[in-house]
Amino acid sequence: MFKRWSILTSMFRKKTNLVQDYKHHAFGKYLLFTNITSSGATMFFGDLLQQELEYQQGKLSKRYDYGRLGRMLFIGLAVGPLHHYFYINLNKYIPGEP
């Protein structure tokens, strides 16, 4: 019984370490990359949902306009660094916890 418990706690510690490593890398070391990709993904999936709604309402003849999706992804990737540095500077002028 204690051996099983030891295995379970060992697995939990490994998963906890993975989560901590992910948080350290995604929200620390590679924060700019995280912000750029999340901005691009948000713009892409937001437009994807909007196009689906417009298609279901009969406003679009084709389900998806891939050129439009690509442009929205590009805009999201382009404004990601701007937002990143804006919020870093904002945090300097208005310090505190979010």
C-alpha atoms as a PDB file:
ATOM      1  CA  MET A   1       0.000   0.000   0.000  1.00  0.00           C
ATOM      2  CA  PHE A   2       2.752   2.454   0.901  1.00  0.00           C
ATOM      3  CA  LYS A   3       4.593   1.633  -2.296  1.00  0.00           C
ATOM      4  CA  ARG A   4       1.544   2.651  -4.360  1.00  0.00           C
ATOM      5  CA  TRP A   5       1.238   5.844  -2.361  1.00  0.00           C
ATOM      6  CA  SER A   6       4.907   6.595  -3.003  1.00  0.00           C
ATOM      7  CA  ILE A   7       4.416   6.090  -6.738  1.00  0.00           C
ATOM      8  CA  LEU A   8       1.382   8.400  -6.756  1.00  0.00           C
ATOM      9  CA  THR A   9       3.144  11.165  -4.841  1.00  0.00           C
ATOM     10  CA  SER A  10       6.152  10.820  -7.129  1.00  0.00           C
ATOM     11  CA  MET A  11       3.909  11.203 -10.199  1.00  0.00           C
ATOM     12  CA  PHE A  12       2.197  14.225  -8.643  1.00  0.00           C
ATOM     13  CA  ARG A  13       5.554  15.880  -7.956  1.00  0.00           C
ATOM     14  CA  LYS A  14       6.650  15.310 -11.556  1.00  0.00           C
ATOM     15  CA  LYS A  15       3.439  16.866 -12.886  1.00  0.00           C
ATOM     16  CA  THR A  16       3.768  19.769 -10.476  1.00  0.00           C
ATOM     17  CA  ASN A  17       7.324  20.350 -11.673  1.00  0.00           C
ATOM     18  CA  LEU A  18       6.130  20.306 -15.300  1.00  0.00           C
ATOM     19  CA  VAL A  19       3.472  22.917 -14.530  1.00  0.00           C
ATOM     20  CA  GLN A  20       5.984  25.085 -12.689  1.00  0.00           C
ATOM     21  CA  ASP A  21       8.461  24.771 -15.566  1.00  0.00           C
ATOM     22  CA  TYR A  22       5.730  25.686 -18.061  1.00  0.00           C
ATOM     23  CA  LYS A  23       4.697  28.725 -16.028  1.00  0.00           C
ATOM     24  CA  HIS A  24       8.322  29.822 -15.684  1.00  0.00           C
ATOM     25  CA  HIS A  25       8.969  29.549 -19.410  1.00  0.00           C
ATOM     26  CA  ALA A  26       5.628  30.763 -20.792  1.00  0.00           C
ATOM     27  CA  PHE A  27       5.073  33.646 -18.387  1.00  0.00           C
ATOM     28  CA  GLY A  28       8.672  34.509 -17.589  1.00  0.00           C
ATOM     29  CA  LYS A  29      11.484  33.619 -19.914  1.00  0.00           C
ATOM     30  CA  TYR A  30       9.405  33.553 -23.131  1.00  0.00           C
ATOM     31  CA  LEU A  31       6.660  36.048 -22.236  1.00  0.00           C
ATOM     32  CA  LEU A  32       7.027  37.988 -25.491  1.00  0.00           C
ATOM     33  CA  PHE A  33       6.605  34.798 -27.553  1.00  0.00           C
ATOM     34  CA  THR A  34       3.604  33.795 -25.425  1.00  0.00           C
ATOM     35  CA  ASN A  35       1.954  37.186 -25.932  1.00  0.00           C
ATOM     36  CA  ILE A  36       2.586  37.190 -29.681  1.00  0.00           C
ATOM     37  CA  THR A  37       1.168  33.692 -30.211  1.00  0.00           C
ATOM     38  CA  SER A  38      -1.829  34.260 -27.942  1.00  0.00           C
ATOM     39  CA  SER A  39      -2.624  37.531 -29.722  1.00  0.00           C
ATOM     40  CA  GLY A  40      -2.430  35.867 -33.136  1.00  0.00           C
ATOM     41  CA  ALA A  41      -4.488  32.873 -32.007  1.00  0.00           C
ATOM     42  CA  THR A  42      -7.139  35.113 -30.431  1.00  0.00           C
ATOM     43  CA  MET A  43      -7.528  37.160 -33.616  1.00  0.00           C
ATOM     44  CA  PHE A  44      -7.593  34.018 -35.784  1.00  0.00           C
ATOM     45  CA  PHE A  45     -10.177  32.103 -33.746  1.00  0.00           C
ATOM     46  CA  GLY A  46     -12.254  35.224 -33.110  1.00  0.00           C
ATOM     47  CA  ASP A  47     -12.543  35.831 -36.852  1.00  0.00           C
ATOM     48  CA  LEU A  48     -13.192  32.132 -37.460  1.00  0.00           C
ATOM     49  CA  LEU A  49     -16.172  32.265 -35.088  1.00  0.00           C
ATOM     50  CA  GLN A  50     -17.386  35.532 -36.623  1.00  0.00           C
ATOM     51  CA  GLN A  51     -17.272  34.045 -40.116  1.00  0.00           C
ATOM     52  CA  GLU A  52     -19.195  30.999 -38.913  1.00  0.00           C
ATOM     53  CA  LEU A  53     -21.898  33.237 -37.447  1.00  0.00           C
ATOM     54  CA  GLU A  54     -22.088  35.315 -40.626  1.00  0.00           C
ATOM     55  CA  TYR A  55     -22.330  32.147 -42.742  1.00  0.00           C
ATOM     56  CA  GLN A  56     -25.150  30.755 -40.605  1.00  0.00           C
ATOM     57  CA  GLN A  57     -27.017  34.067 -40.862  1.00  0.00           C
ATOM     58  CA  GLY A  58     -26.699  33.941 -44.657  1.00  0.00           C
ATOM     59  CA  LYS A  59     -24.405  36.974 -44.919  1.00  0.00           C
ATOM     60  CA  LEU A  60     -21.530  34.985 -46.467  1.00  0.00           C
ATOM     61  CA  SER A  61     -21.741  32.689 -49.478  1.00  0.00           C
ATOM     62  CA  LYS A  62     -18.639  30.688 -48.495  1.00  0.00           C
ATOM     63  CA  ARG A  63     -18.171  29.258 -45.026  1.00  0.00           C
ATOM     64  CA  TYR A  64     -14.614  30.561 -44.528  1.00  0.00           C
ATOM     65  CA  ASP A  65     -12.557  33.223 -46.240  1.00  0.00           C
ATOM     66  CA  TYR A  66      -9.040  31.894 -45.738  1.00  0.00           C
ATOM     67  CA  GLY A  67      -7.435  35.109 -46.951  1.00  0.00           C
ATOM     68  CA  ARG A  68      -9.320  37.042 -44.288  1.00  0.00           C
ATOM     69  CA  LEU A  69      -8.302  34.492 -41.649  1.00  0.00           C
ATOM     70  CA  GLY A  70      -4.669  34.859 -42.706  1.00  0.00           C
ATOM     71  CA  ARG A  71      -4.875  38.652 -42.539  1.00  0.00           C
ATOM     72  CA  MET A  72      -6.409  38.531 -39.067  1.00  0.00           C
ATOM     73  CA  LEU A  73      -3.694  36.122 -37.917  1.00  0.00           C
ATOM     74  CA  PHE A  74      -1.038  38.461 -39.329  1.00  0.00           C
ATOM     75  CA  ILE A  75      -2.571  41.490 -37.578  1.00  0.00           C
ATOM     76  CA  GLY A  76      -2.720  39.550 -34.312  1.00  0.00           C
ATOM     77  CA  LEU A  77       0.926  38.548 -34.630  1.00  0.00           C
ATOM     78  CA  ALA A  78       1.862  42.145 -35.486  1.00  0.00           C
ATOM     79  CA  VAL A  79       0.077  43.819 -32.561  1.00  0.00           C
ATOM     80  CA  GLY A  80       1.199  41.202 -30.033  1.00  0.00           C
ATOM     81  CA  PRO A  81       4.595  42.847 -29.417  1.00  0.00           C
ATOM     82  CA  LEU A  82       2.964  46.283 -29.200  1.00  0.00           C
ATOM     83  CA  HIS A  83       0.595  45.061 -26.501  1.00  0.00           C
ATOM     84  CA  HIS A  84       3.434  43.273 -24.726  1.00  0.00           C
ATOM     85  CA  TYR A  85       5.595  46.373 -24.408  1.00  0.00           C
ATOM     86  CA  PHE A  86       2.612  48.637 -23.698  1.00  0.00           C
ATOM     87  CA  TYR A  87       1.645  46.582 -20.652  1.00  0.00           C
ATOM     88  CA  ILE A  88       5.250  46.322 -19.454  1.00  0.00           C
ATOM     89  CA  ASN A  89       5.536  50.127 -19.540  1.00  0.00           C
ATOM     90  CA  LEU A  90       2.091  50.542 -18.008  1.00  0.00           C
ATOM     91  CA  ASN A  91       3.193  48.342 -15.129  1.00  0.00           C
ATOM     92  CA  LYS A  92       6.136  50.694 -14.527  1.00  0.00           C
ATOM     93  CA  TYR A  93       3.851  53.729 -14.248  1.00  0.00           C
ATOM     94  CA  ILE A  94       1.039  52.024 -12.343  1.00  0.00           C
ATOM     95  CA  PRO A  95       2.728  49.437 -10.129  1.00  0.00           C
ATOM     96  CA  GLY A  96       0.843  46.768  -8.242  1.00  0.00           C
ATOM     97  CA  GLU A  97      -0.635  43.354  -8.671  1.00  0.00           C
ATOM     98  CA  PRO A  98      -3.023  42.792 -11.591  1.00  0.00           C
END
